[in-house]
Amino acid sequence: MGRWRAVVLAGSCAVACGCAGATGKPDGTAIVELFPATIDGDVTITQGGVAGSGSKIDVADDLGLENKLPAAFGLRLDDGPLRLGLEWLPFRFAGEETLTEDVVFRGATFAAGDEVESALTFVTWSALLEGAVIENDTFELRAGGGAYWWKFDLELDDQTTGVSESRGFSRLLPAATASTRVAFGAGFALRARGAFATLDEGRRIVDGGANVEYQFPEKRIHATLGYRWIRYWLNEDTNTGMLDLRGPSLGLTVEL
């Protein structure tokens, strides 16, 4: 409860003091990142919950999915001790593989030896509101909450037989979040963040990452280099799976 009490106190201070940037408005930061995340894990997609209408599919080994849109976009708004963060991850993956064993996807059998093209759209949005637990020129610690929304849409096309199937679903999850920043001087700083979103054991997200940040002499522009890992637990009716997206990130932030 101590963390949430700190957030509430931070929010009360913002309301009472009217804290904001020099213009009297929240300070904004736009974020663009190159995030060539690899994807691995497995999914099982059935046809209306019918037994045997879906087999476990390894998205890397069976489908050969590769990242075709390695980008992330974000916005931070700081108003005194409060921070609002928004992020959009428009992931697009595609692959073409010759199957080494039969795959059953939404009731359709894609046989071993068939050439299968696949496409996965896996869009994720996140929003968070964090308060400053500790904040000074060299160290910052924030905690808060928010939500993650993702949309999964997988399509398989059998180039040998012409069979095509697709399935999509989405989910909104509440989240707890935390972030920190440590300044080292000479324009360099280390940032780290983490989030845990869940409804139950089968529907969760863990999102964590860290990066080194460099502030250019112009002050408003920062470059970042880091690493990020996101794990999704999927459990929608009889459709199940677990997917990992991980990789380095190279970003640019601009103070608005």
C-alpha atoms as a PDB file:
ATOM      1  CA  MET A   1       0.000   0.000   0.000  1.00  0.00           C
ATOM      2  CA  GLY A   2       2.984   2.303   0.528  1.00  0.00           C
ATOM      3  CA  ARG A   3       3.594   2.640  -3.210  1.00  0.00           C
ATOM      4  CA  TRP A   4      -0.009   3.553  -3.966  1.00  0.00           C
ATOM      5  CA  ARG A   5      -0.031   6.023  -1.039  1.00  0.00           C
ATOM      6  CA  ALA A   6       2.964   7.747  -2.618  1.00  0.00           C
ATOM      7  CA  VAL A   7       1.116   8.006  -5.927  1.00  0.00           C
ATOM      8  CA  VAL A   8      -1.958   9.483  -4.236  1.00  0.00           C
ATOM      9  CA  LEU A   9       0.173  11.997  -2.341  1.00  0.00           C
ATOM     10  CA  ALA A  10       1.953  12.969  -5.554  1.00  0.00           C
ATOM     11  CA  GLY A  11      -1.379  13.520  -7.265  1.00  0.00           C
ATOM     12  CA  SER A  12      -2.636  15.629  -4.350  1.00  0.00           C
ATOM     13  CA  CYS A  13       0.481  17.786  -4.560  1.00  0.00           C
ATOM     14  CA  ALA A  14      -0.040  18.323  -8.297  1.00  0.00           C
ATOM     15  CA  VAL A  15      -3.631  19.429  -7.747  1.00  0.00           C
ATOM     16  CA  ALA A  16      -2.863  21.605  -4.759  1.00  0.00           C
ATOM     17  CA  CYS A  17       0.271  23.243  -6.184  1.00  0.00           C
ATOM     18  CA  GLY A  18      -0.778  23.429  -9.832  1.00  0.00           C
ATOM     19  CA  CYS A  19       2.695  22.191 -10.809  1.00  0.00           C
ATOM     20  CA  ALA A  20       3.518  22.197 -14.531  1.00  0.00           C
ATOM     21  CA  GLY A  21       6.169  23.282 -16.976  1.00  0.00           C
ATOM     22  CA  ALA A  22       7.438  26.798 -17.480  1.00  0.00           C
ATOM     23  CA  THR A  23       4.521  27.565 -19.801  1.00  0.00           C
ATOM     24  CA  GLY A  24       1.951  26.463 -17.219  1.00  0.00           C
ATOM     25  CA  LYS A  25       1.177  23.401 -19.352  1.00  0.00           C
ATOM     26  CA  PRO A  26       2.396  19.800 -18.925  1.00  0.00           C
ATOM     27  CA  ASP A  27       5.868  19.153 -20.353  1.00  0.00           C
ATOM     28  CA  GLY A  28       5.661  16.772 -23.320  1.00  0.00           C
ATOM     29  CA  THR A  29       8.194  14.335 -24.771  1.00  0.00           C
ATOM     30  CA  ALA A  30       7.735  12.490 -28.078  1.00  0.00           C
ATOM     31  CA  ILE A  31       9.437   9.094 -28.434  1.00  0.00           C
ATOM     32  CA  VAL A  32      10.299   7.107 -31.567  1.00  0.00           C
ATOM     33  CA  GLU A  33      12.148   3.787 -31.294  1.00  0.00           C
ATOM     34  CA  LEU A  34      13.533   1.237 -33.696  1.00  0.00           C
ATOM     35  CA  PHE A  35      12.617  -2.058 -32.029  1.00  0.00           C
ATOM     36  CA  PRO A  36      13.513  -5.065 -34.243  1.00  0.00           C
ATOM     37  CA  ALA A  37      12.049  -7.564 -31.789  1.00  0.00           C
ATOM     38  CA  THR A  38      12.240 -11.270 -32.507  1.00  0.00           C
ATOM     39  CA  ILE A  39       9.190 -13.377 -31.679  1.00  0.00           C
ATOM     40  CA  ASP A  40       9.117 -16.888 -30.274  1.00  0.00           C
ATOM     41  CA  GLY A  41       6.690 -19.073 -28.375  1.00  0.00           C
ATOM     42  CA  ASP A  42       3.630 -21.050 -29.371  1.00  0.00           C
ATOM     43  CA  VAL A  43      -0.102 -20.716 -29.917  1.00  0.00           C
ATOM     44  CA  THR A  44      -3.001 -23.158 -30.175  1.00  0.00           C
ATOM     45  CA  ILE A  45      -5.987 -21.902 -32.182  1.00  0.00           C
ATOM     46  CA  THR A  46      -9.140 -24.052 -32.284  1.00  0.00           C
ATOM     47  CA  GLN A  47     -12.384 -24.023 -34.225  1.00  0.00           C
ATOM     48  CA  GLY A  48     -15.165 -23.207 -31.778  1.00  0.00           C
ATOM     49  CA  GLY A  49     -13.498 -25.190 -28.991  1.00  0.00           C
ATOM     50  CA  VAL A  50     -13.858 -28.522 -30.816  1.00  0.00           C
ATOM     51  CA  ALA A  51     -11.373 -31.079 -29.479  1.00  0.00           C
ATOM     52  CA  GLY A  52      -8.526 -31.751 -31.918  1.00  0.00           C
ATOM     53  CA  SER A  53      -9.285 -28.645 -34.028  1.00  0.00           C
ATOM     54  CA  GLY A  54      -6.051 -26.946 -33.012  1.00  0.00           C
ATOM     55  CA  SER A  55      -2.470 -28.066 -32.475  1.00  0.00           C
ATOM     56  CA  LYS A  56       0.411 -26.280 -30.789  1.00  0.00           C
ATOM     57  CA  ILE A  57       2.217 -24.099 -33.347  1.00  0.00           C
ATOM     58  CA  ASP A  58       5.729 -22.785 -32.763  1.00  0.00           C
ATOM     59  CA  VAL A  59       5.670 -19.332 -34.365  1.00  0.00           C
ATOM     60  CA  ALA A  60       9.440 -19.304 -34.975  1.00  0.00           C
ATOM     61  CA  ASP A  61      10.207 -22.905 -35.965  1.00  0.00           C
ATOM     62  CA  ASP A  62       6.928 -23.820 -37.728  1.00  0.00           C
ATOM     63  CA  LEU A  63       6.024 -20.447 -39.274  1.00  0.00           C
ATOM     64  CA  GLY A  64       9.371 -18.638 -39.475  1.00  0.00           C
ATOM     65  CA  LEU A  65       7.809 -15.324 -38.426  1.00  0.00           C
ATOM     66  CA  GLU A  66      10.053 -12.278 -38.826  1.00  0.00           C
ATOM     67  CA  ASN A  67       9.507  -8.669 -37.793  1.00  0.00           C
ATOM     68  CA  LYS A  68       8.344  -6.494 -40.694  1.00  0.00           C
ATOM     69  CA  LEU A  69       7.505  -3.294 -38.760  1.00  0.00           C
ATOM     70  CA  PRO A  70      10.149  -2.821 -36.026  1.00  0.00           C
ATOM     71  CA  ALA A  71       8.895   0.427 -34.532  1.00  0.00           C
ATOM     72  CA  ALA A  72       7.468   1.864 -31.318  1.00  0.00           C
ATOM     73  CA  PHE A  73       5.954   5.289 -30.716  1.00  0.00           C
ATOM     74  CA  GLY A  74       5.299   7.003 -27.399  1.00  0.00           C
ATOM     75  CA  LEU A  75       4.383  10.215 -25.627  1.00  0.00           C
ATOM     76  CA  ARG A  76       5.170  11.363 -22.078  1.00  0.00           C
ATOM     77  CA  LEU A  77       3.402  14.255 -20.350  1.00  0.00           C
ATOM     78  CA  ASP A  78       4.898  15.501 -17.065  1.00  0.00           C
ATOM     79  CA  ASP A  79       2.820  17.724 -14.806  1.00  0.00           C
ATOM     80  CA  GLY A  80       4.745  18.291 -11.600  1.00  0.00           C
ATOM     81  CA  PRO A  81       5.217  14.905  -9.913  1.00  0.00           C
ATOM     82  CA  LEU A  82       2.704  13.185 -12.195  1.00  0.00           C
ATOM     83  CA  ARG A  83       3.543  11.511 -15.496  1.00  0.00           C
ATOM     84  CA  LEU A  84       1.144  10.261 -18.162  1.00  0.00           C
ATOM     85  CA  GLY A  85       2.652   7.825 -20.656  1.00  0.00           C
ATOM     86  CA  LEU A  86       1.174   6.488 -23.892  1.00  0.00           C
ATOM     87  CA  GLU A  87       2.754   3.929 -26.239  1.00  0.00           C
ATOM     88  CA  TRP A  88       1.853   2.236 -29.520  1.00  0.00           C
ATOM     89  CA  LEU A  89       3.580  -0.946 -30.732  1.00  0.00           C
ATOM     90  CA  PRO A  90       2.251  -1.763 -34.237  1.00  0.00           C
ATOM     91  CA  PHE A  91       3.966  -5.150 -34.643  1.00  0.00           C
ATOM     92  CA  ARG A  92       3.723  -6.905 -38.000  1.00  0.00           C
ATOM     93  CA  PHE A  93       5.312 -10.321 -38.574  1.00  0.00           C
ATOM     94  CA  ALA A  94       5.410 -12.521 -41.673  1.00  0.00           C
ATOM     95  CA  GLY A  95       6.964 -15.829 -42.654  1.00  0.00           C
ATOM     96  CA  GLU A  96       7.137 -18.530 -45.309  1.00  0.00           C
ATOM     97  CA  GLU A  97       8.079 -22.089 -44.340  1.00  0.00           C
ATOM     98  CA  THR A  98       7.842 -25.651 -45.611  1.00  0.00           C
ATOM     99  CA  LEU A  99       6.164 -27.551 -42.778  1.00  0.00           C
ATOM    100  CA  THR A 100       8.084 -30.460 -41.272  1.00  0.00           C
ATOM    101  CA  GLU A 101       4.993 -31.853 -39.523  1.00  0.00           C
ATOM    102  CA  ASP A 102       1.227 -31.459 -39.725  1.00  0.00           C
ATOM    103  CA  VAL A 103      -0.241 -28.289 -38.218  1.00  0.00           C
ATOM    104  CA  VAL A 104      -3.916 -27.953 -37.292  1.00  0.00           C
ATOM    105  CA  PHE A 105      -5.101 -24.340 -37.178  1.00  0.00           C
ATOM    106  CA  ARG A 106      -8.743 -23.441 -36.528  1.00  0.00           C
ATOM    107  CA  GLY A 107      -9.951 -26.813 -37.751  1.00  0.00           C
ATOM    108  CA  ALA A 108      -7.866 -26.862 -40.956  1.00  0.00           C
ATOM    109  CA  THR A 109      -4.922 -29.233 -41.429  1.00  0.00           C
ATOM    110  CA  PHE A 110      -1.767 -27.856 -43.027  1.00  0.00           C
ATOM    111  CA  ALA A 111       0.164 -30.978 -43.967  1.00  0.00           C
ATOM    112  CA  ALA A 112       3.867 -31.684 -43.608  1.00  0.00           C
ATOM    113  CA  GLY A 113       5.668 -30.741 -46.818  1.00  0.00           C
ATOM    114  CA  ASP A 114       3.249 -27.920 -47.688  1.00  0.00           C
ATOM    115  CA  GLU A 115       4.553 -24.401 -48.281  1.00  0.00           C
ATOM    116  CA  VAL A 116       2.749 -22.110 -45.839  1.00  0.00           C
ATOM    117  CA  GLU A 117       2.785 -18.320 -45.752  1.00  0.00           C
ATOM    118  CA  SER A 118       1.796 -16.690 -42.476  1.00  0.00           C
ATOM    119  CA  ALA A 119       1.114 -13.148 -41.279  1.00  0.00           C
ATOM    120  CA  LEU A 120       0.676 -11.959 -37.705  1.00  0.00           C
ATOM    121  CA  THR A 121      -0.554  -8.521 -36.716  1.00  0.00           C
ATOM    122  CA  PHE A 122       0.049  -8.011 -33.014  1.00  0.00           C
ATOM    123  CA  VAL A 123      -0.749  -4.417 -32.094  1.00  0.00           C
ATOM    124  CA  THR A 124      -0.253  -3.288 -28.496  1.00  0.00           C
ATOM    125  CA  TRP A 125      -1.305  -0.021 -26.830  1.00  0.00           C
ATOM    126  CA  SER A 126      -0.378   0.956 -23.291  1.00  0.00           C
ATOM    127  CA  ALA A 127      -1.298   3.881 -21.039  1.00  0.00           C
ATOM    128  CA  LEU A 128       0.086   4.622 -17.589  1.00  0.00           C
ATOM    129  CA  LEU A 129      -0.135   7.234 -14.865  1.00  0.00           C
ATOM    130  CA  GLU A 130       2.827   7.357 -12.481  1.00  0.00           C
ATOM    131  CA  GLY A 131       3.697   9.537  -9.514  1.00  0.00           C
ATOM    132  CA  ALA A 132       7.169  10.498  -8.326  1.00  0.00           C
ATOM    133  CA  VAL A 133       8.156   8.600  -5.173  1.00  0.00           C
ATOM    134  CA  ILE A 134      11.660  10.122  -5.288  1.00  0.00           C
ATOM    135  CA  GLU A 135      12.677  12.854  -7.711  1.00  0.00           C
ATOM    136  CA  ASN A 136      15.784  15.046  -7.862  1.00  0.00           C
ATOM    137  CA  ASP A 137      18.420  16.057 -10.417  1.00  0.00           C
ATOM    138  CA  THR A 138      20.280  12.727 -10.301  1.00  0.00           C
ATOM    139  CA  PHE A 139      17.707  10.093  -9.296  1.00  0.00           C
ATOM    140  CA  GLU A 140      14.068   9.445 -10.050  1.00  0.00           C
ATOM    141  CA  LEU A 141      11.750   6.639  -8.935  1.00  0.00           C
ATOM    142  CA  ARG A 142       8.127   6.443 -10.074  1.00  0.00           C
ATOM    143  CA  ALA A 143       5.266   4.037  -9.477  1.00  0.00           C
ATOM    144  CA  GLY A 144       1.710   3.862 -10.701  1.00  0.00           C
ATOM    145  CA  GLY A 145      -0.763   1.969 -12.801  1.00  0.00           C
ATOM    146  CA  GLY A 146      -2.425   1.844 -16.186  1.00  0.00           C
ATOM    147  CA  ALA A 147      -3.643  -0.573 -18.823  1.00  0.00           C
ATOM    148  CA  TYR A 148      -2.458  -2.642 -21.798  1.00  0.00           C
ATOM    149  CA  TRP A 149      -4.598  -3.435 -24.823  1.00  0.00           C
ATOM    150  CA  TRP A 150      -3.469  -5.901 -27.471  1.00  0.00           C
ATOM    151  CA  LYS A 151      -4.978  -7.295 -30.653  1.00  0.00           C
ATOM    152  CA  PHE A 152      -3.824 -10.620 -32.109  1.00  0.00           C
ATOM    153  CA  ASP A 153      -4.610 -11.525 -35.737  1.00  0.00           C
ATOM    154  CA  LEU A 154      -2.915 -14.587 -37.313  1.00  0.00           C
ATOM    155  CA  GLU A 155      -3.468 -15.817 -40.870  1.00  0.00           C
ATOM    156  CA  LEU A 156      -2.102 -18.987 -42.502  1.00  0.00           C
ATOM    157  CA  ASP A 157      -2.165 -19.549 -46.286  1.00  0.00           C
ATOM    158  CA  ASP A 158      -1.236 -22.964 -47.695  1.00  0.00           C
ATOM    159  CA  GLN A 159       0.459 -22.284 -51.032  1.00  0.00           C
ATOM    160  CA  THR A 160       0.288 -25.989 -51.917  1.00  0.00           C
ATOM    161  CA  THR A 161      -3.440 -26.654 -51.378  1.00  0.00           C
ATOM    162  CA  GLY A 162      -4.894 -23.140 -51.345  1.00  0.00           C
ATOM    163  CA  VAL A 163      -6.372 -23.534 -47.851  1.00  0.00           C
ATOM    164  CA  SER A 164      -6.472 -20.278 -45.864  1.00  0.00           C
ATOM    165  CA  GLU A 165      -7.551 -19.668 -42.259  1.00  0.00           C
ATOM    166  CA  SER A 166      -7.315 -16.724 -39.862  1.00  0.00           C
ATOM    167  CA  ARG A 167      -8.240 -15.910 -36.291  1.00  0.00           C
ATOM    168  CA  GLY A 168      -8.167 -12.691 -34.307  1.00  0.00           C
ATOM    169  CA  PHE A 169      -9.012 -11.599 -30.774  1.00  0.00           C
ATOM    170  CA  SER A 170      -8.098  -8.806 -28.348  1.00  0.00           C
ATOM    171  CA  ARG A 171      -7.821  -8.132 -24.641  1.00  0.00           C
ATOM    172  CA  LEU A 172      -7.618  -5.192 -22.195  1.00  0.00           C
ATOM    173  CA  LEU A 173      -5.579  -5.740 -19.013  1.00  0.00           C
ATOM    174  CA  PRO A 174      -5.063  -3.473 -15.970  1.00  0.00           C
ATOM    175  CA  ALA A 175      -1.407  -2.974 -15.039  1.00  0.00           C
ATOM    176  CA  ALA A 176       0.950  -1.922 -12.248  1.00  0.00           C
ATOM    177  CA  THR A 177       4.038  -0.017 -13.410  1.00  0.00           C
ATOM    178  CA  ALA A 178       7.328   1.368 -12.117  1.00  0.00           C
ATOM    179  CA  SER A 179      10.226   3.279 -13.669  1.00  0.00           C
ATOM    180  CA  THR A 180      13.511   4.846 -12.637  1.00  0.00           C
ATOM    181  CA  ARG A 181      16.213   7.160 -13.982  1.00  0.00           C
ATOM    182  CA  VAL A 182      19.789   7.602 -12.771  1.00  0.00           C
ATOM    183  CA  ALA A 183      21.906  10.468 -14.153  1.00  0.00           C
ATOM    184  CA  PHE A 184      25.673   9.920 -14.510  1.00  0.00           C
ATOM    185  CA  GLY A 185      26.720  13.343 -15.772  1.00  0.00           C
ATOM    186  CA  ALA A 186      28.118  14.498 -19.126  1.00  0.00           C
ATOM    187  CA  GLY A 187      24.631  14.064 -20.602  1.00  0.00           C
ATOM    188  CA  PHE A 188      24.357  10.318 -19.837  1.00  0.00           C
ATOM    189  CA  ALA A 189      21.648   8.579 -17.817  1.00  0.00           C
ATOM    190  CA  LEU A 190      20.242   5.094 -17.290  1.00  0.00           C
ATOM    191  CA  ARG A 191      16.493   4.485 -17.530  1.00  0.00           C
ATOM    192  CA  ALA A 192      14.646   1.295 -16.561  1.00  0.00           C
ATOM    193  CA  ARG A 193      10.968   0.420 -16.471  1.00  0.00           C
ATOM    194  CA  GLY A 194       8.687  -2.500 -15.800  1.00  0.00           C
ATOM    195  CA  ALA A 195       5.000  -3.359 -15.948  1.00  0.00           C
ATOM    196  CA  PHE A 196       2.843  -6.289 -14.920  1.00  0.00           C
ATOM    197  CA  ALA A 197      -0.670  -6.551 -16.378  1.00  0.00           C
ATOM    198  CA  THR A 198      -3.102  -9.320 -15.543  1.00  0.00           C
ATOM    199  CA  LEU A 199      -6.685 -10.498 -15.303  1.00  0.00           C
ATOM    200  CA  ASP A 200      -5.942 -14.082 -14.253  1.00  0.00           C
ATOM    201  CA  GLU A 201      -3.250 -16.747 -14.566  1.00  0.00           C
ATOM    202  CA  GLY A 202      -3.860 -17.271 -18.283  1.00  0.00           C
ATOM    203  CA  ARG A 203      -4.017 -13.612 -19.344  1.00  0.00           C
ATOM    204  CA  ARG A 204      -0.945 -11.644 -18.385  1.00  0.00           C
ATOM    205  CA  ILE A 205       1.758  -9.360 -19.723  1.00  0.00           C
ATOM    206  CA  VAL A 206       5.225  -8.746 -18.330  1.00  0.00           C
ATOM    207  CA  ASP A 207       7.025  -5.800 -19.934  1.00  0.00           C
ATOM    208  CA  GLY A 208      10.516  -4.743 -18.930  1.00  0.00           C
ATOM    209  CA  GLY A 209      13.452  -2.886 -20.382  1.00  0.00           C
ATOM    210  CA  ALA A 210      16.406  -0.615 -19.775  1.00  0.00           C
ATOM    211  CA  ASN A 211      18.358   1.846 -21.895  1.00  0.00           C
ATOM    212  CA  VAL A 212      21.241   4.268 -21.780  1.00  0.00           C
ATOM    213  CA  GLU A 213      20.190   7.807 -22.639  1.00  0.00           C
ATOM    214  CA  TYR A 214      22.363  10.614 -23.982  1.00  0.00           C
ATOM    215  CA  GLN A 215      21.226  14.231 -23.921  1.00  0.00           C
ATOM    216  CA  PHE A 216      22.645  16.310 -26.765  1.00  0.00           C
ATOM    217  CA  PRO A 217      24.017  19.797 -26.001  1.00  0.00           C
ATOM    218  CA  GLU A 218      20.852  21.240 -27.541  1.00  0.00           C
ATOM    219  CA  LYS A 219      19.141  19.712 -24.430  1.00  0.00           C
ATOM    220  CA  ARG A 220      15.754  18.969 -26.013  1.00  0.00           C
ATOM    221  CA  ILE A 221      16.927  15.930 -27.991  1.00  0.00           C
ATOM    222  CA  HIS A 222      17.975  12.603 -26.432  1.00  0.00           C
ATOM    223  CA  ALA A 223      19.244   9.377 -28.014  1.00  0.00           C
ATOM    224  CA  THR A 224      18.639   6.007 -26.346  1.00  0.00           C
ATOM    225  CA  LEU A 225      20.099   2.515 -26.730  1.00  0.00           C
ATOM    226  CA  GLY A 226      18.752  -0.413 -24.773  1.00  0.00           C
ATOM    227  CA  TYR A 227      17.009  -3.774 -24.601  1.00  0.00           C
ATOM    228  CA  ARG A 228      13.367  -4.769 -24.057  1.00  0.00           C
ATOM    229  CA  TRP A 229      11.433  -7.959 -23.369  1.00  0.00           C
ATOM    230  CA  ILE A 230       7.653  -8.434 -23.433  1.00  0.00           C
ATOM    231  CA  ARG A 231       5.888 -11.700 -22.617  1.00  0.00           C
ATOM    232  CA  TYR A 232       2.219 -12.278 -23.432  1.00  0.00           C
ATOM    233  CA  TRP A 233       0.107 -15.086 -21.962  1.00  0.00           C
ATOM    234  CA  LEU A 234      -2.867 -15.731 -24.262  1.00  0.00           C
ATOM    235  CA  ASN A 235      -5.936 -17.552 -22.983  1.00  0.00           C
ATOM    236  CA  GLU A 236      -9.069 -16.655 -24.906  1.00  0.00           C
ATOM    237  CA  ASP A 237     -11.714 -19.368 -24.653  1.00  0.00           C
ATOM    238  CA  THR A 238      -9.917 -22.441 -26.072  1.00  0.00           C
ATOM    239  CA  ASN A 239      -7.234 -20.401 -27.832  1.00  0.00           C
ATOM    240  CA  THR A 240      -4.031 -20.457 -25.789  1.00  0.00           C
ATOM    241  CA  GLY A 241      -0.361 -19.593 -26.084  1.00  0.00           C
ATOM    242  CA  MET A 242       2.624 -17.707 -24.777  1.00  0.00           C
ATOM    243  CA  LEU A 243       4.672 -15.304 -26.898  1.00  0.00           C
ATOM    244  CA  ASP A 244       7.959 -13.534 -26.210  1.00  0.00           C
ATOM    245  CA  LEU A 245       9.018 -10.381 -28.034  1.00  0.00           C
ATOM    246  CA  ARG A 246      12.563  -9.292 -27.271  1.00  0.00           C
ATOM    247  CA  GLY A 247      15.426  -7.368 -28.745  1.00  0.00           C
ATOM    248  CA  PRO A 248      17.520  -4.202 -28.758  1.00  0.00           C
ATOM    249  CA  SER A 249      16.003  -0.755 -29.151  1.00  0.00           C
ATOM    250  CA  LEU A 250      17.422   2.433 -30.625  1.00  0.00           C
ATOM    251  CA  GLY A 251      15.417   5.563 -29.987  1.00  0.00           C
ATOM    252  CA  LEU A 252      15.146   9.312 -30.223  1.00  0.00           C
ATOM    253  CA  THR A 253      13.191  11.500 -27.813  1.00  0.00           C
ATOM    254  CA  VAL A 254      12.317  15.145 -28.366  1.00  0.00           C
ATOM    255  CA  GLU A 255      11.074  17.464 -25.631  1.00  0.00           C
ATOM    256  CA  LEU A 256       8.124  19.404 -27.014  1.00  0.00           C
END
